[in-house]
C-alpha atoms as a PDB file:
ATOM      1  CA  MET A   1      31.029   3.056  -4.094  1.00  0.00           C
ATOM      2  CA  LYS A   2      30.045  -0.286  -2.612  1.00  0.00           C
ATOM      3  CA  LYS A   3      26.285  -1.011  -2.475  1.00  0.00           C
ATOM      4  CA  LEU A   4      24.046  -3.987  -2.511  1.00  0.00           C
ATOM      5  CA  TYR A   5      20.325  -3.712  -3.454  1.00  0.00           C
ATOM      6  CA  HIS A   6      18.422  -6.577  -2.166  1.00  0.00           C
ATOM      7  CA  LEU A   7      15.146  -7.923  -0.707  1.00  0.00           C
ATOM      8  CA  SER A   8      15.286  -8.667   3.015  1.00  0.00           C
ATOM      9  CA  THR A   9      12.518 -11.179   2.707  1.00  0.00           C
ATOM     10  CA  CYS A  10      14.241 -13.100  -0.141  1.00  0.00           C
ATOM     11  CA  ASP A  11      15.972 -16.294   1.147  1.00  0.00           C
ATOM     12  CA  THR A  12      18.295 -16.323  -1.853  1.00  0.00           C
ATOM     13  CA  CYS A  13      19.423 -12.604  -1.163  1.00  0.00           C
ATOM     14  CA  LYS A  14      20.084 -13.448   2.518  1.00  0.00           C
ATOM     15  CA  ARG A  15      22.224 -16.435   1.550  1.00  0.00           C
ATOM     16  CA  ILE A  16      24.275 -14.457  -0.915  1.00  0.00           C
ATOM     17  CA  ILE A  17      24.723 -11.595   1.600  1.00  0.00           C
ATOM     18  CA  ASN A  18      26.213 -14.206   4.006  1.00  0.00           C
ATOM     19  CA  GLU A  19      28.347 -15.966   1.275  1.00  0.00           C
ATOM     20  CA  LEU A  20      29.905 -12.662   0.193  1.00  0.00           C
ATOM     21  CA  GLU A  21      31.062 -11.847   3.681  1.00  0.00           C
ATOM     22  CA  LEU A  22      30.458  -7.990   2.958  1.00  0.00           C
ATOM     23  CA  PRO A  23      32.773  -5.656   4.502  1.00  0.00           C
ATOM     24  CA  SER A  24      31.189  -2.975   6.902  1.00  0.00           C
ATOM     25  CA  GLU A  25      31.484  -0.144   4.297  1.00  0.00           C
ATOM     26  CA  VAL A  26      29.035  -1.891   1.843  1.00  0.00           C
ATOM     27  CA  VAL A  27      25.639  -0.020   2.064  1.00  0.00           C
ATOM     28  CA  LEU A  28      22.767  -2.341   1.982  1.00  0.00           C
ATOM     29  CA  GLN A  29      19.517  -1.106   0.538  1.00  0.00           C
ATOM     30  CA  ASP A  30      16.278  -3.178   1.045  1.00  0.00           C
ATOM     31  CA  ILE A  31      14.445  -2.293  -2.147  1.00  0.00           C
ATOM     32  CA  LYS A  32      11.054  -3.073  -0.626  1.00  0.00           C
ATOM     33  CA  THR A  33      11.333  -0.597   2.234  1.00  0.00           C
ATOM     34  CA  GLU A  34      13.570   1.937   0.289  1.00  0.00           C
ATOM     35  CA  ALA A  35      12.482   2.259  -3.288  1.00  0.00           C
ATOM     36  CA  ILE A  36      15.032   2.530  -6.131  1.00  0.00           C
ATOM     37  CA  THR A  37      15.375   6.089  -7.216  1.00  0.00           C
ATOM     38  CA  ASN A  38      15.662   7.297 -10.952  1.00  0.00           C
ATOM     39  CA  GLU A  39      19.258   8.214 -10.255  1.00  0.00           C
ATOM     40  CA  GLN A  40      20.043   4.857  -8.780  1.00  0.00           C
ATOM     41  CA  ILE A  41      18.484   2.868 -11.787  1.00  0.00           C
ATOM     42  CA  GLN A  42      20.394   5.287 -14.135  1.00  0.00           C
ATOM     43  CA  GLU A  43      23.593   4.521 -12.427  1.00  0.00           C
ATOM     44  CA  MET A  44      22.951   0.778 -12.532  1.00  0.00           C
ATOM     45  CA  HIS A  45      22.108   1.144 -16.354  1.00  0.00           C
ATOM     46  CA  GLN A  46      25.383   2.904 -16.987  1.00  0.00           C
ATOM     47  CA  LEU A  47      27.230  -0.062 -15.376  1.00  0.00           C
ATOM     48  CA  ALA A  48      25.119  -2.868 -16.661  1.00  0.00           C
ATOM     49  CA  GLY A  49      24.783  -1.483 -20.169  1.00  0.00           C
ATOM     50  CA  SER A  50      20.986  -1.952 -20.373  1.00  0.00           C
ATOM     51  CA  TYR A  51      17.917  -2.031 -18.323  1.00  0.00           C
ATOM     52  CA  GLU A  52      16.950  -5.368 -19.736  1.00  0.00           C
ATOM     53  CA  ALA A  53      20.077  -6.794 -17.941  1.00  0.00           C
ATOM     54  CA  LEU A  54      18.700  -5.445 -14.634  1.00  0.00           C
ATOM     55  CA  PHE A  55      15.206  -6.878 -15.311  1.00  0.00           C
ATOM     56  CA  SER A  56      13.858  -9.959 -13.730  1.00  0.00           C
ATOM     57  CA  LYS A  57      11.731 -12.053 -16.158  1.00  0.00           C
ATOM     58  CA  ARG A  58      11.158 -14.408 -13.126  1.00  0.00           C
ATOM     59  CA  ALA A  59       8.971 -11.950 -11.321  1.00  0.00           C
ATOM     60  CA  ARG A  60       5.390 -12.960 -10.560  1.00  0.00           C
ATOM     61  CA  LEU A  61       4.149  -9.866 -12.076  1.00  0.00           C
ATOM     62  CA  TYR A  62       5.949 -10.515 -15.351  1.00  0.00           C
ATOM     63  CA  LYS A  63       3.828 -13.615 -15.873  1.00  0.00           C
ATOM     64  CA  GLU A  64       0.595 -12.062 -14.439  1.00  0.00           C
ATOM     65  CA  ARG A  65       0.907  -9.074 -16.847  1.00  0.00           C
ATOM     66  CA  ASP A  66       1.827 -11.317 -19.731  1.00  0.00           C
ATOM     67  CA  LEU A  67       4.817  -9.195 -20.426  1.00  0.00           C
ATOM     68  CA  LYS A  68       6.783 -11.845 -22.268  1.00  0.00           C
ATOM     69  CA  ASN A  69       4.217 -11.480 -25.164  1.00  0.00           C
ATOM     70  CA  GLN A  70       4.778  -7.847 -25.440  1.00  0.00           C
ATOM     71  CA  ASN A  71       7.615  -5.901 -27.186  1.00  0.00           C
ATOM     72  CA  LEU A  72       9.257  -4.236 -24.321  1.00  0.00           C
ATOM     73  CA  THR A  73      11.679  -1.420 -24.956  1.00  0.00           C
ATOM     74  CA  GLU A  74      14.571  -0.135 -22.635  1.00  0.00           C
ATOM     75  CA  GLU A  75      12.254   2.516 -21.404  1.00  0.00           C
ATOM     76  CA  ASP A  76       9.629   0.090 -20.435  1.00  0.00           C
ATOM     77  CA  TYR A  77      12.125  -2.040 -18.528  1.00  0.00           C
ATOM     78  CA  LYS A  78      13.314   1.126 -16.634  1.00  0.00           C
ATOM     79  CA  ASN A  79       9.800   2.199 -15.861  1.00  0.00           C
ATOM     80  CA  LEU A  80       8.814  -1.363 -14.669  1.00  0.00           C
ATOM     81  CA  ILE A  81      11.649  -1.582 -12.307  1.00  0.00           C
ATOM     82  CA  LEU A  82      10.850   1.850 -10.889  1.00  0.00           C
ATOM     83  CA  GLU A  83       7.173   0.880 -10.636  1.00  0.00           C
ATOM     84  CA  HIS A  84       7.590  -2.306  -8.643  1.00  0.00           C
ATOM     85  CA  TYR A  85      10.717  -3.667  -6.744  1.00  0.00           C
ATOM     86  CA  THR A  86      10.227  -7.156  -7.819  1.00  0.00           C
ATOM     87  CA  PHE A  87      11.054  -6.329 -11.474  1.00  0.00           C
ATOM     88  CA  LEU A  88      14.721  -5.752 -10.392  1.00  0.00           C
ATOM     89  CA  LYS A  89      16.911  -8.879 -10.807  1.00  0.00           C
ATOM     90  CA  ARG A  90      18.344  -9.370  -7.319  1.00  0.00           C
ATOM     91  CA  PRO A  91      20.712  -8.971  -5.741  1.00  0.00           C
ATOM     92  CA  VAL A  92      22.494  -6.158  -7.467  1.00  0.00           C
ATOM     93  CA  PHE A  93      25.956  -5.459  -6.057  1.00  0.00           C
ATOM     94  CA  ILE A  94      28.036  -2.385  -7.060  1.00  0.00           C
ATOM     95  CA  HIS A  95      31.712  -2.515  -6.087  1.00  0.00           C
ATOM     96  CA  ASP A  96      33.427   0.608  -7.351  1.00  0.00           C
ATOM     97  CA  GLN A  97      32.713   0.693 -11.084  1.00  0.00           C
ATOM     98  CA  GLN A  98      31.775  -2.974 -11.415  1.00  0.00           C
ATOM     99  CA  ILE A  99      28.178  -4.332 -11.103  1.00  0.00           C
ATOM    100  CA  PHE A 100      27.060  -7.889 -10.358  1.00  0.00           C
ATOM    101  CA  VAL A 101      23.357  -8.556 -11.166  1.00  0.00           C
ATOM    102  CA  GLY A 102      21.524 -11.469 -10.205  1.00  0.00           C
ATOM    103  CA  ASN A 103      22.097 -14.773  -8.156  1.00  0.00           C
ATOM    104  CA  SER A 104      23.898 -17.241 -10.569  1.00  0.00           C
ATOM    105  CA  LYS A 105      26.825 -19.054  -9.103  1.00  0.00           C
ATOM    106  CA  LYS A 106      29.081 -17.328 -11.688  1.00  0.00           C
ATOM    107  CA  VAL A 107      27.912 -13.768 -10.672  1.00  0.00           C
ATOM    108  CA  VAL A 108      28.184 -14.543  -6.977  1.00  0.00           C
ATOM    109  CA  ALA A 109      31.708 -15.888  -7.473  1.00  0.00           C
ATOM    110  CA  GLU A 110      32.861 -12.902  -9.520  1.00  0.00           C
ATOM    111  CA  ALA A 111      31.480 -10.418  -6.752  1.00  0.00           C
ATOM    112  CA  LYS A 112      33.207 -12.366  -4.180  1.00  0.00           C
ATOM    113  CA  GLU A 113      36.365 -12.201  -6.101  1.00  0.00           C
ATOM    114  CA  ALA A 114      35.978  -8.409  -6.524  1.00  0.00           C
ATOM    115  CA  ILE A 115      35.408  -7.939  -2.761  1.00  0.00           C
ATOM    116  CA  HIS A 116      38.153 -10.133  -1.369  1.00  0.00           C
ATOM    117  CA  GLY A 117      40.686 -10.175  -4.327  1.00  0.00           C
END
């Protein structure tokens, strides 16, 4: 499977999509218009190893809800991501059995290498 979860209104996501030069078989899912399902988050979890790895601590709601001062469990991270798309660290790219989470230069370079060899 080749899939990219992104936010179409996010300039960083747009830049990374352009940079990755995605092949046509990659399915793009705008998480704002097509919510992440329980099955999808479980698949991401299986590849990433934890829900926390998929969670964005930079989300505005993270600060607004003062979540940094709470003891969040894996279940909390999962439920927050399912509750609101901004809690997913973006973009998330799945290439076969590899997952690339976030927008760091290293992650983007690794994703590009996986796509183009």
